C-alpha atoms as a PDB file:
ATOM      1  CA  UNK A   1      -3.215 -17.845 -40.046  1.00  0.00           C
ATOM      2  CA  UNK A   2      -0.607 -15.234 -38.954  1.00  0.00           C
ATOM      3  CA  UNK A   3       0.519 -15.413 -35.283  1.00  0.00           C
ATOM      4  CA  UNK A   4       1.055 -11.554 -35.513  1.00  0.00           C
ATOM      5  CA  UNK A   5      -2.677 -11.175 -36.097  1.00  0.00           C
ATOM      6  CA  UNK A   6      -3.661 -13.522 -33.291  1.00  0.00           C
ATOM      7  CA  UNK A   7      -1.124 -11.969 -30.848  1.00  0.00           C
ATOM      8  CA  UNK A   8      -2.401  -8.450 -31.162  1.00  0.00           C
ATOM      9  CA  UNK A   9      -5.942  -9.612 -31.371  1.00  0.00           C
ATOM     10  CA  UNK A  10      -5.613 -11.403 -28.039  1.00  0.00           C
ATOM     11  CA  UNK A  11      -4.003  -8.396 -26.338  1.00  0.00           C
ATOM     12  CA  UNK A  12      -6.651  -5.947 -27.637  1.00  0.00           C
ATOM     13  CA  UNK A  13      -9.466  -8.267 -26.558  1.00  0.00           C
ATOM     14  CA  UNK A  14      -7.784  -8.610 -23.018  1.00  0.00           C
ATOM     15  CA  UNK A  15      -7.450  -4.860 -22.549  1.00  0.00           C
ATOM     16  CA  UNK A  16     -10.961  -4.205 -24.166  1.00  0.00           C
ATOM     17  CA  UNK A  17     -12.584  -6.578 -21.699  1.00  0.00           C
ATOM     18  CA  UNK A  18     -10.948  -4.906 -18.765  1.00  0.00           C
ATOM     19  CA  UNK A  19     -12.364  -1.571 -19.975  1.00  0.00           C
ATOM     20  CA  UNK A  20     -15.737  -2.952 -20.418  1.00  0.00           C
ATOM     21  CA  UNK A  21     -15.800  -4.507 -17.022  1.00  0.00           C
ATOM     22  CA  UNK A  22     -14.754  -1.268 -15.421  1.00  0.00           C
ATOM     23  CA  UNK A  23     -17.275   0.940 -17.403  1.00  0.00           C
ATOM     24  CA  UNK A  24     -20.031  -1.576 -16.296  1.00  0.00           C
ATOM     25  CA  UNK A  25     -18.879  -1.095 -12.723  1.00  0.00           C
ATOM     26  CA  UNK A  26     -18.263  -4.848 -12.456  1.00  0.00           C
ATOM     27  CA  UNK A  27     -14.588  -4.327 -11.338  1.00  0.00           C
ATOM     28  CA  UNK A  28     -12.601  -1.221 -10.526  1.00  0.00           C
ATOM     29  CA  UNK A  29      -9.101  -0.878 -11.571  1.00  0.00           C
ATOM     30  CA  UNK A  30      -6.509   1.558 -10.222  1.00  0.00           C
ATOM     31  CA  UNK A  31      -4.472   1.804 -13.355  1.00  0.00           C
ATOM     32  CA  UNK A  32      -1.525   3.190 -11.589  1.00  0.00           C
ATOM     33  CA  UNK A  33      -1.219   0.070  -9.509  1.00  0.00           C
ATOM     34  CA  UNK A  34      -2.016  -2.127 -12.479  1.00  0.00           C
ATOM     35  CA  UNK A  35       0.870  -0.496 -14.279  1.00  0.00           C
ATOM     36  CA  UNK A  36       3.147  -2.788 -12.256  1.00  0.00           C
ATOM     37  CA  UNK A  37       2.218  -5.413 -14.874  1.00  0.00           C
ATOM     38  CA  UNK A  38       3.909  -3.426 -17.752  1.00  0.00           C
ATOM     39  CA  UNK A  39       6.867  -5.935 -17.991  1.00  0.00           C
ATOM     40  CA  UNK A  40       4.271  -8.472 -19.258  1.00  0.00           C
ATOM     41  CA  UNK A  41       4.322  -6.491 -22.551  1.00  0.00           C
ATOM     42  CA  UNK A  42       8.103  -7.091 -22.864  1.00  0.00           C
ATOM     43  CA  UNK A  43       7.501 -10.859 -22.177  1.00  0.00           C
ATOM     44  CA  UNK A  44       4.804 -10.930 -24.791  1.00  0.00           C
ATOM     45  CA  UNK A  45       6.845  -9.098 -27.342  1.00  0.00           C
ATOM     46  CA  UNK A  46       9.713 -11.607 -26.683  1.00  0.00           C
ATOM     47  CA  UNK A  47       7.312 -14.465 -27.168  1.00  0.00           C
ATOM     48  CA  UNK A  48       6.275 -13.022 -30.554  1.00  0.00           C
ATOM     49  CA  UNK A  49       9.709 -13.072 -31.944  1.00  0.00           C
ATOM     50  CA  UNK A  50      10.801 -16.554 -30.716  1.00  0.00           C
ATOM     51  CA  UNK A  51      11.373 -18.932 -33.731  1.00  0.00           C
ATOM     52  CA  UNK A  52       8.948 -21.582 -32.646  1.00  0.00           C
ATOM     53  CA  UNK A  53       5.778 -22.953 -33.930  1.00  0.00           C
ATOM     54  CA  UNK A  54       2.747 -20.377 -33.857  1.00  0.00           C
ATOM     55  CA  UNK A  55       0.676 -22.588 -31.671  1.00  0.00           C
ATOM     56  CA  UNK A  56       3.300 -22.851 -29.085  1.00  0.00           C
ATOM     57  CA  UNK A  57       3.350 -18.957 -29.113  1.00  0.00           C
ATOM     58  CA  UNK A  58      -0.279 -18.807 -28.707  1.00  0.00           C
ATOM     59  CA  UNK A  59      -0.158 -21.177 -25.706  1.00  0.00           C
ATOM     60  CA  UNK A  60       2.553 -19.048 -24.101  1.00  0.00           C
ATOM     61  CA  UNK A  61       0.644 -15.892 -24.617  1.00  0.00           C
ATOM     62  CA  UNK A  62      -2.567 -17.324 -23.037  1.00  0.00           C
ATOM     63  CA  UNK A  63      -0.451 -18.656 -20.120  1.00  0.00           C
ATOM     64  CA  UNK A  64       1.135 -15.308 -19.531  1.00  0.00           C
ATOM     65  CA  UNK A  65      -2.323 -13.494 -19.612  1.00  0.00           C
ATOM     66  CA  UNK A  66      -3.769 -16.036 -17.334  1.00  0.00           C
ATOM     67  CA  UNK A  67      -0.909 -15.490 -14.843  1.00  0.00           C
ATOM     68  CA  UNK A  68      -1.512 -11.733 -15.051  1.00  0.00           C
ATOM     69  CA  UNK A  69      -5.321 -12.228 -14.434  1.00  0.00           C
ATOM     70  CA  UNK A  70      -4.343 -14.379 -11.487  1.00  0.00           C
ATOM     71  CA  UNK A  71      -2.158 -11.678 -10.082  1.00  0.00           C
ATOM     72  CA  UNK A  72      -4.972  -9.074 -10.489  1.00  0.00           C
ATOM     73  CA  UNK A  73      -7.507 -11.382  -8.734  1.00  0.00           C
ATOM     74  CA  UNK A  74      -5.054 -11.917  -5.846  1.00  0.00           C
ATOM     75  CA  UNK A  75      -5.550  -8.106  -5.260  1.00  0.00           C
ATOM     76  CA  UNK A  76      -9.309  -8.157  -5.277  1.00  0.00           C
ATOM     77  CA  UNK A  77     -11.648  -7.231  -2.588  1.00  0.00           C
ATOM     78  CA  UNK A  78     -15.436  -8.055  -2.555  1.00  0.00           C
ATOM     79  CA  UNK A  79     -17.506  -5.055  -1.828  1.00  0.00           C
ATOM     80  CA  UNK A  80     -19.845  -5.622   1.145  1.00  0.00           C
ATOM     81  CA  UNK A  81     -22.618  -3.454  -0.192  1.00  0.00           C
ATOM     82  CA  UNK A  82     -22.737  -4.509  -3.793  1.00  0.00           C
ATOM     83  CA  UNK A  83     -22.117  -7.439  -6.141  1.00  0.00           C
ATOM     84  CA  UNK A  84     -19.027  -5.854  -7.446  1.00  0.00           C
ATOM     85  CA  UNK A  85     -15.373  -6.881  -7.278  1.00  0.00           C
ATOM     86  CA  UNK A  86     -12.971  -3.992  -6.478  1.00  0.00           C
ATOM     87  CA  UNK A  87      -9.363  -4.125  -7.690  1.00  0.00           C
ATOM     88  CA  UNK A  88      -6.853  -1.917  -5.675  1.00  0.00           C
ATOM     89  CA  UNK A  89      -9.968  -0.387  -4.343  1.00  0.00           C
ATOM     90  CA  UNK A  90     -10.725   2.958  -2.762  1.00  0.00           C
ATOM     91  CA  UNK A  91     -13.377   1.319  -0.569  1.00  0.00           C
ATOM     92  CA  UNK A  92     -13.797   3.286   2.664  1.00  0.00           C
ATOM     93  CA  UNK A  93     -12.475   0.977   5.349  1.00  0.00           C
ATOM     94  CA  UNK A  94     -12.316   4.071   7.802  1.00  0.00           C
ATOM     95  CA  UNK A  95     -16.052   3.600   8.396  1.00  0.00           C
ATOM     96  CA  UNK A  96     -15.656  -0.047   9.043  1.00  0.00           C
ATOM     97  CA  UNK A  97     -16.521   0.094  12.859  1.00  0.00           C
ATOM     98  CA  UNK A  98     -15.653  -2.782  15.039  1.00  0.00           C
ATOM     99  CA  UNK A  99     -19.284  -2.954  16.391  1.00  0.00           C
ATOM    100  CA  UNK A 100     -20.868  -2.833  12.903  1.00  0.00           C
ATOM    101  CA  UNK A 101     -23.645  -5.244  12.370  1.00  0.00           C
ATOM    102  CA  UNK A 102     -22.560  -8.357  10.484  1.00  0.00           C
ATOM    103  CA  UNK A 103     -23.780 -11.871  10.096  1.00  0.00           C
ATOM    104  CA  UNK A 104     -23.706 -13.852  13.246  1.00  0.00           C
ATOM    105  CA  UNK A 105     -23.237 -17.029  11.262  1.00  0.00           C
ATOM    106  CA  UNK A 106     -19.812 -15.823  10.034  1.00  0.00           C
ATOM    107  CA  UNK A 107     -16.829 -16.601  12.437  1.00  0.00           C
ATOM    108  CA  UNK A 108     -14.189 -13.984  13.016  1.00  0.00           C
ATOM    109  CA  UNK A 109     -10.995 -14.843  14.800  1.00  0.00           C
ATOM    110  CA  UNK A 110      -8.202 -12.774  16.559  1.00  0.00           C
ATOM    111  CA  UNK A 111      -4.594 -13.174  16.230  1.00  0.00           C
ATOM    112  CA  UNK A 112      -1.968 -11.622  18.606  1.00  0.00           C
ATOM    113  CA  UNK A 113       1.763 -11.842  18.850  1.00  0.00           C
ATOM    114  CA  UNK A 114       4.465  -9.847  20.695  1.00  0.00           C
ATOM    115  CA  UNK A 115       8.084  -9.510  19.756  1.00  0.00           C
ATOM    116  CA  UNK A 116      10.249  -8.913  22.787  1.00  0.00           C
ATOM    117  CA  UNK A 117      12.406  -5.760  22.955  1.00  0.00           C
ATOM    118  CA  UNK A 118      16.169  -6.086  22.956  1.00  0.00           C
ATOM    119  CA  UNK A 119      17.951  -2.960  23.874  1.00  0.00           C
ATOM    120  CA  UNK A 120      20.827  -3.844  21.581  1.00  0.00           C
ATOM    121  CA  UNK A 121      18.641  -3.103  18.601  1.00  0.00           C
ATOM    122  CA  UNK A 122      19.124   0.645  17.819  1.00  0.00           C
ATOM    123  CA  UNK A 123      17.470   0.415  14.457  1.00  0.00           C
ATOM    124  CA  UNK A 124      14.576  -1.702  13.178  1.00  0.00           C
ATOM    125  CA  UNK A 125      13.606  -2.252   9.616  1.00  0.00           C
ATOM    126  CA  UNK A 126       9.920  -3.234   9.572  1.00  0.00           C
ATOM    127  CA  UNK A 127       8.348  -4.787   6.327  1.00  0.00           C
ATOM    128  CA  UNK A 128       4.712  -5.581   6.341  1.00  0.00           C
ATOM    129  CA  UNK A 129       2.398  -6.916   3.651  1.00  0.00           C
ATOM    130  CA  UNK A 130      -1.019  -5.273   3.971  1.00  0.00           C
ATOM    131  CA  UNK A 131      -3.884  -6.798   2.197  1.00  0.00           C
ATOM    132  CA  UNK A 132      -7.368  -5.434   2.089  1.00  0.00           C
ATOM    133  CA  UNK A 133      -8.642  -4.047   5.514  1.00  0.00           C
ATOM    134  CA  UNK A 134      -7.689  -1.517   7.984  1.00  0.00           C
ATOM    135  CA  UNK A 135      -4.080  -1.097   9.303  1.00  0.00           C
ATOM    136  CA  UNK A 136      -3.434   1.111  12.388  1.00  0.00           C
ATOM    137  CA  UNK A 137      -0.257   2.091  14.169  1.00  0.00           C
ATOM    138  CA  UNK A 138      -0.991   4.405  17.231  1.00  0.00           C
ATOM    139  CA  UNK A 139       0.075   2.913  20.622  1.00  0.00           C
ATOM    140  CA  UNK A 140       3.319   2.297  22.283  1.00  0.00           C
ATOM    141  CA  UNK A 141       4.562  -0.859  23.781  1.00  0.00           C
ATOM    142  CA  UNK A 142       7.285  -2.104  26.059  1.00  0.00           C
ATOM    143  CA  UNK A 143       7.834  -4.859  23.740  1.00  0.00           C
ATOM    144  CA  UNK A 144       9.657  -4.124  20.360  1.00  0.00           C
ATOM    145  CA  UNK A 145       6.406  -4.776  18.488  1.00  0.00           C
ATOM    146  CA  UNK A 146       2.874  -5.853  19.391  1.00  0.00           C
ATOM    147  CA  UNK A 147       0.564  -7.110  16.702  1.00  0.00           C
ATOM    148  CA  UNK A 148      -3.238  -7.709  16.870  1.00  0.00           C
ATOM    149  CA  UNK A 149      -5.550  -8.722  14.054  1.00  0.00           C
ATOM    150  CA  UNK A 150      -9.334  -9.255  13.967  1.00  0.00           C
ATOM    151  CA  UNK A 151     -11.382 -10.664  11.202  1.00  0.00           C
ATOM    152  CA  UNK A 152     -11.647 -13.587   8.804  1.00  0.00           C
ATOM    153  CA  UNK A 153      -8.552 -12.992   6.625  1.00  0.00           C
ATOM    154  CA  UNK A 154      -5.571 -15.287   6.612  1.00  0.00           C
ATOM    155  CA  UNK A 155      -3.352 -15.151   9.696  1.00  0.00           C
ATOM    156  CA  UNK A 156       0.027 -13.420   9.632  1.00  0.00           C
ATOM    157  CA  UNK A 157       3.501 -14.796  10.430  1.00  0.00           C
ATOM    158  CA  UNK A 158       6.702 -12.940  11.124  1.00  0.00           C
ATOM    159  CA  UNK A 159      10.350 -13.354  10.911  1.00  0.00           C
ATOM    160  CA  UNK A 160      12.921 -11.358  12.841  1.00  0.00           C
ATOM    161  CA  UNK A 161      16.660 -11.250  12.084  1.00  0.00           C
ATOM    162  CA  UNK A 162      19.093  -9.217  14.236  1.00  0.00           C
ATOM    163  CA  UNK A 163      22.576  -8.258  13.102  1.00  0.00           C
ATOM    164  CA  UNK A 164      24.835  -5.928  15.147  1.00  0.00           C
ATOM    165  CA  UNK A 165      22.498  -2.916  16.119  1.00  0.00           C
ATOM    166  CA  UNK A 166      19.785  -3.580  13.606  1.00  0.00           C
ATOM    167  CA  UNK A 167      16.758  -5.923  13.713  1.00  0.00           C
ATOM    168  CA  UNK A 168      14.790  -6.912  10.563  1.00  0.00           C
ATOM    169  CA  UNK A 169      11.139  -7.767  10.963  1.00  0.00           C
ATOM    170  CA  UNK A 170       9.240  -9.272   8.138  1.00  0.00           C
ATOM    171  CA  UNK A 171       5.422  -9.545   8.650  1.00  0.00           C
ATOM    172  CA  UNK A 172       3.450 -11.401   5.867  1.00  0.00           C
ATOM    173  CA  UNK A 173       0.029 -13.168   5.419  1.00  0.00           C
ATOM    174  CA  UNK A 174       0.411 -16.999   5.493  1.00  0.00           C
ATOM    175  CA  UNK A 175      -2.004 -17.288   2.609  1.00  0.00           C
ATOM    176  CA  UNK A 176      -2.776 -14.928  -0.389  1.00  0.00           C
ATOM    177  CA  UNK A 177      -6.116 -16.712  -1.188  1.00  0.00           C
ATOM    178  CA  UNK A 178      -9.156 -14.543  -1.926  1.00  0.00           C
ATOM    179  CA  UNK A 179     -12.066 -14.482   0.632  1.00  0.00           C
ATOM    180  CA  UNK A 180     -15.226 -13.763  -1.147  1.00  0.00           C
ATOM    181  CA  UNK A 181     -18.356 -12.695   0.820  1.00  0.00           C
ATOM    182  CA  UNK A 182     -20.319  -9.713   2.171  1.00  0.00           C
ATOM    183  CA  UNK A 183     -18.762 -10.123   5.685  1.00  0.00           C
ATOM    184  CA  UNK A 184     -15.041 -10.013   5.101  1.00  0.00           C
ATOM    185  CA  UNK A 185     -13.044  -8.261   7.739  1.00  0.00           C
ATOM    186  CA  UNK A 186      -9.527  -7.472   8.452  1.00  0.00           C
ATOM    187  CA  UNK A 187      -8.455  -5.030  11.019  1.00  0.00           C
ATOM    188  CA  UNK A 188      -4.702  -4.975  12.049  1.00  0.00           C
ATOM    189  CA  UNK A 189      -3.644  -3.024  15.094  1.00  0.00           C
ATOM    190  CA  UNK A 190       0.275  -2.496  15.660  1.00  0.00           C
ATOM    191  CA  UNK A 191       2.113  -0.980  18.631  1.00  0.00           C
ATOM    192  CA  UNK A 192       5.803  -0.111  18.526  1.00  0.00           C
ATOM    193  CA  UNK A 193       8.517   0.530  20.970  1.00  0.00           C
ATOM    194  CA  UNK A 194       9.580   4.236  21.071  1.00  0.00           C
ATOM    195  CA  UNK A 195      13.379   3.497  21.744  1.00  0.00           C
ATOM    196  CA  UNK A 196      14.761   2.395  18.352  1.00  0.00           C
ATOM    197  CA  UNK A 197      14.909   4.307  15.080  1.00  0.00           C
ATOM    198  CA  UNK A 198      12.282   2.882  12.637  1.00  0.00           C
ATOM    199  CA  UNK A 199      12.405   2.191   8.884  1.00  0.00           C
ATOM    200  CA  UNK A 200       8.933   0.999   7.860  1.00  0.00           C
ATOM    201  CA  UNK A 201       8.060  -0.510   4.439  1.00  0.00           C
ATOM    202  CA  UNK A 202       4.476  -1.183   3.715  1.00  0.00           C
ATOM    203  CA  UNK A 203       3.125  -3.042   0.693  1.00  0.00           C
ATOM    204  CA  UNK A 204      -0.509  -2.168   0.737  1.00  0.00           C
ATOM    205  CA  UNK A 205      -3.404  -3.666  -1.074  1.00  0.00           C
ATOM    206  CA  UNK A 206      -7.006  -2.233  -0.879  1.00  0.00           C
ATOM    207  CA  UNK A 207      -6.304  -0.948   2.522  1.00  0.00           C
ATOM    208  CA  UNK A 208      -7.098   1.939   4.896  1.00  0.00           C
ATOM    209  CA  UNK A 209      -3.837   3.053   6.518  1.00  0.00           C
ATOM    210  CA  UNK A 210      -3.875   5.103   9.605  1.00  0.00           C
ATOM    211  CA  UNK A 211      -0.325   5.587  11.192  1.00  0.00           C
ATOM    212  CA  UNK A 212       0.103   7.954  14.191  1.00  0.00           C
ATOM    213  CA  UNK A 213       3.911   7.988  14.238  1.00  0.00           C
ATOM    214  CA  UNK A 214       4.348  11.044  16.533  1.00  0.00           C
ATOM    215  CA  UNK A 215       5.869   9.158  19.275  1.00  0.00           C
ATOM    216  CA  UNK A 216       8.404   7.271  17.218  1.00  0.00           C
ATOM    217  CA  UNK A 217      11.799   8.044  15.719  1.00  0.00           C
ATOM    218  CA  UNK A 218      10.982   7.579  11.999  1.00  0.00           C
ATOM    219  CA  UNK A 219      14.050   7.489   9.555  1.00  0.00           C
ATOM    220  CA  UNK A 220      12.165   6.158   6.570  1.00  0.00           C
ATOM    221  CA  UNK A 221       8.452   5.275   5.719  1.00  0.00           C
ATOM    222  CA  UNK A 222       7.794   3.665   2.335  1.00  0.00           C
ATOM    223  CA  UNK A 223       4.143   2.977   1.315  1.00  0.00           C
ATOM    224  CA  UNK A 224       3.539   1.251  -2.022  1.00  0.00           C
ATOM    225  CA  UNK A 225       0.465  -0.264  -3.569  1.00  0.00           C
ATOM    226  CA  UNK A 226      -3.320   0.457  -4.151  1.00  0.00           C
ATOM    227  CA  UNK A 227      -4.198   1.937  -0.637  1.00  0.00           C
ATOM    228  CA  UNK A 228      -7.848   3.102  -0.269  1.00  0.00           C
ATOM    229  CA  UNK A 229      -6.792   6.038   2.032  1.00  0.00           C
ATOM    230  CA  UNK A 230      -3.625   7.142   3.849  1.00  0.00           C
ATOM    231  CA  UNK A 231      -3.484   9.099   7.023  1.00  0.00           C
ATOM    232  CA  UNK A 232      -0.174   9.715   8.619  1.00  0.00           C
ATOM    233  CA  UNK A 233       0.968  11.672  11.589  1.00  0.00           C
ATOM    234  CA  UNK A 234       4.772  12.455  11.982  1.00  0.00           C
ATOM    235  CA  UNK A 235       6.580  13.716  14.844  1.00  0.00           C
ATOM    236  CA  UNK A 236       9.970  15.577  15.298  1.00  0.00           C
ATOM    237  CA  UNK A 237      11.945  13.101  17.220  1.00  0.00           C
ATOM    238  CA  UNK A 238      14.509  12.342  14.370  1.00  0.00           C
ATOM    239  CA  UNK A 239      16.747  14.617  12.519  1.00  0.00           C
ATOM    240  CA  UNK A 240      15.879  13.424   8.970  1.00  0.00           C
ATOM    241  CA  UNK A 241      12.740  11.531   7.956  1.00  0.00           C
ATOM    242  CA  UNK A 242      12.227  10.244   4.430  1.00  0.00           C
ATOM    243  CA  UNK A 243       8.575   9.644   3.438  1.00  0.00           C
ATOM    244  CA  UNK A 244       8.034   7.907   0.070  1.00  0.00           C
ATOM    245  CA  UNK A 245       4.560   7.314  -1.321  1.00  0.00           C
ATOM    246  CA  UNK A 246       3.946   5.288  -4.496  1.00  0.00           C
ATOM    247  CA  UNK A 247       0.281   4.336  -4.362  1.00  0.00           C
ATOM    248  CA  UNK A 248      -3.184   4.819  -5.901  1.00  0.00           C
ATOM    249  CA  UNK A 249      -5.412   6.144  -3.231  1.00  0.00           C
ATOM    250  CA  UNK A 250      -8.718   8.078  -2.710  1.00  0.00           C
ATOM    251  CA  UNK A 251      -6.997  10.504  -0.362  1.00  0.00           C
ATOM    252  CA  UNK A 252      -3.645  11.106   1.297  1.00  0.00           C
ATOM    253  CA  UNK A 253      -3.398  13.204   4.449  1.00  0.00           C
ATOM    254  CA  UNK A 254       0.033  13.786   6.136  1.00  0.00           C
ATOM    255  CA  UNK A 255       0.340  15.670   9.341  1.00  0.00           C
ATOM    256  CA  UNK A 256       3.765  17.177   9.951  1.00  0.00           C
ATOM    257  CA  UNK A 257       4.949  19.291  12.987  1.00  0.00           C
ATOM    258  CA  UNK A 258       5.503  23.025  12.493  1.00  0.00           C
ATOM    259  CA  UNK A 259       8.834  22.806  14.234  1.00  0.00           C
ATOM    260  CA  UNK A 260      10.226  20.504  11.483  1.00  0.00           C
ATOM    261  CA  UNK A 261      11.071  21.791   7.939  1.00  0.00           C
ATOM    262  CA  UNK A 262       9.352  19.983   5.208  1.00  0.00           C
ATOM    263  CA  UNK A 263      10.129  19.469   1.526  1.00  0.00           C
ATOM    264  CA  UNK A 264       7.650  17.876  -0.853  1.00  0.00           C
ATOM    265  CA  UNK A 265       8.432  16.359  -4.308  1.00  0.00           C
ATOM    266  CA  UNK A 266       5.128  15.544  -5.941  1.00  0.00           C
ATOM    267  CA  UNK A 267       4.647  13.639  -9.202  1.00  0.00           C
ATOM    268  CA  UNK A 268       0.895  12.703  -9.029  1.00  0.00           C
ATOM    269  CA  UNK A 269      -2.339  12.743 -10.801  1.00  0.00           C
ATOM    270  CA  UNK A 270      -4.433  14.968  -8.563  1.00  0.00           C
ATOM    271  CA  UNK A 271      -7.932  16.287  -8.419  1.00  0.00           C
ATOM    272  CA  UNK A 272      -7.274  18.301  -5.318  1.00  0.00           C
ATOM    273  CA  UNK A 273      -4.212  19.619  -3.562  1.00  0.00           C
ATOM    274  CA  UNK A 274      -3.953  21.215  -0.121  1.00  0.00           C
ATOM    275  CA  UNK A 275      -0.511  22.599   0.871  1.00  0.00           C
ATOM    276  CA  UNK A 276      -1.055  25.331   3.298  1.00  0.00           C
ATOM    277  CA  UNK A 277       2.243  26.797   4.644  1.00  0.00           C
ATOM    278  CA  UNK A 278       4.232  25.525   1.648  1.00  0.00           C
ATOM    279  CA  UNK A 279       6.023  27.643  -1.130  1.00  0.00           C
ATOM    280  CA  UNK A 280       6.587  26.352  -4.636  1.00  0.00           C
ATOM    281  CA  UNK A 281      10.289  26.478  -5.609  1.00  0.00           C
ATOM    282  CA  UNK A 282      11.781  27.068  -9.084  1.00  0.00           C
ATOM    283  CA  UNK A 283      12.545  23.256  -9.329  1.00  0.00           C
ATOM    284  CA  UNK A 284       8.762  22.410  -8.827  1.00  0.00           C
ATOM    285  CA  UNK A 285       9.233  21.352  -5.222  1.00  0.00           C
ATOM    286  CA  UNK A 286       7.190  22.519  -2.153  1.00  0.00           C
ATOM    287  CA  UNK A 287       8.921  23.661   1.029  1.00  0.00           C
ATOM    288  CA  UNK A 288       8.046  25.312   4.292  1.00  0.00           C
ATOM    289  CA  UNK A 289       9.480  28.716   5.134  1.00  0.00           C
ATOM    290  CA  UNK A 290      11.489  27.260   8.100  1.00  0.00           C
ATOM    291  CA  UNK A 291      13.029  24.447   5.926  1.00  0.00           C
ATOM    292  CA  UNK A 292      16.643  25.806   5.888  1.00  0.00           C
ATOM    293  CA  UNK A 293      16.953  26.664   9.520  1.00  0.00           C
ATOM    294  CA  UNK A 294      14.955  23.923  11.047  1.00  0.00           C
ATOM    295  CA  UNK A 295      16.907  21.280  12.992  1.00  0.00           C
ATOM    296  CA  UNK A 296      14.743  18.346  12.025  1.00  0.00           C
ATOM    297  CA  UNK A 297      13.641  17.929   8.388  1.00  0.00           C
ATOM    298  CA  UNK A 298      11.043  15.743   6.680  1.00  0.00           C
ATOM    299  CA  UNK A 299      11.346  14.882   3.027  1.00  0.00           C
ATOM    300  CA  UNK A 300       8.210  13.742   1.152  1.00  0.00           C
ATOM    301  CA  UNK A 301       8.498  12.084  -2.298  1.00  0.00           C
ATOM    302  CA  UNK A 302       5.085  11.113  -3.574  1.00  0.00           C
ATOM    303  CA  UNK A 303       4.225   9.352  -6.800  1.00  0.00           C
ATOM    304  CA  UNK A 304       0.667   8.598  -6.688  1.00  0.00           C
ATOM    305  CA  UNK A 305      -2.749   8.937  -8.473  1.00  0.00           C
ATOM    306  CA  UNK A 306      -5.119  10.361  -5.770  1.00  0.00           C
ATOM    307  CA  UNK A 307      -8.338  12.431  -5.572  1.00  0.00           C
ATOM    308  CA  UNK A 308      -6.950  14.525  -2.650  1.00  0.00           C
ATOM    309  CA  UNK A 309      -3.489  15.173  -1.371  1.00  0.00           C
ATOM    310  CA  UNK A 310      -3.216  17.160   1.860  1.00  0.00           C
ATOM    311  CA  UNK A 311      -0.316  18.061   4.257  1.00  0.00           C
ATOM    312  CA  UNK A 312      -1.400  19.630   7.628  1.00  0.00           C
ATOM    313  CA  UNK A 313       1.201  21.473   9.722  1.00  0.00           C
ATOM    314  CA  UNK A 314       0.219  21.125  13.370  1.00  0.00           C
END
C-alpha cells in the first residue's frame, strides 16, 4: 500500500465531506475565513516526505486533520431556528432583541467590569476576542473602558499594561468551549473614554458588529474573522484613521463624515457595492472628491468576501 495514495485519498475525502455537509445545509463554511488553515497543506506535504514508516505518516496526517476539525468546531455557532451548525456564520444577530422570548429554564448571566481612566494614557491599544453574538460600542464613559456582557457564553477577562503614554488592553474569553442549544445568547456592550487616541483590534467570530465611533479619536481599527455583519460609524476627531477589514461577512456598512477625505482600497468578492460620492482612480482605488484638501483623512483597506459593501457619507 503506497502512502502517497492514502495521503491524497484522505485529503480528498476530508474536503469532499466538507462540500457535502455544506450542500446538504448541515454546516455553513465561509471559505475565506477557512482559508486561514492553508498552512495545514504545507504541514501535510512535509509529513508526506519525512523518511519514516508509512503508518507513522498516516497517524500524523489524521492527527493534523483532527486538530483542523477541532479548530473549525471551536468557531461553530448553533442556529436557534434549525438543527444546523453554522461555521463563521452570517446569522442575523441584529434581530436578536434583548426581550425576545426564550426558554425560561435556561439561565443567562451578566458580567460587568470597569477599567479606571488614567490621564497619563494618551493612547490606548484595545484587542478584543469576539466569539459568536452581538458586539456594540456606542456610549461614552468616565472610566477608560466599561464592559457589560449578557448571555450564557463564557465570561471574559482582561489584562491591562501601561507603558509611558500608552495602555494596552487585552479582552479575551476565559473559555473557548462550544455552547450548543437553541437559546444561546451573547451580547457585549462596551463604552469608551473620549480623551485618548484609540487603536482597536477585533478578532471576530460569527458576530454582529455595531460600532458607533463618532465620539472617539480612532487612529486604527482592525476587524478580522468571519463576522456576520459589520456596521461602523466614524467621526472626524483624528487627523488620520486607518480602517482594515479582513473578514467574511453578509454585509459591511461604513459611515464616514463628509468633512473627511476618504480613500478605499477594495480587494473583495462582492455581489453588491454601494460607493456614492466616490470616484475610481487609475490605480483601482476609490476616493472622495475632497480627499486632497481635507484636513482629516480616512483610509479603508478591505479584503473580504461579502454580499454587500456600502460606504455612506453623512
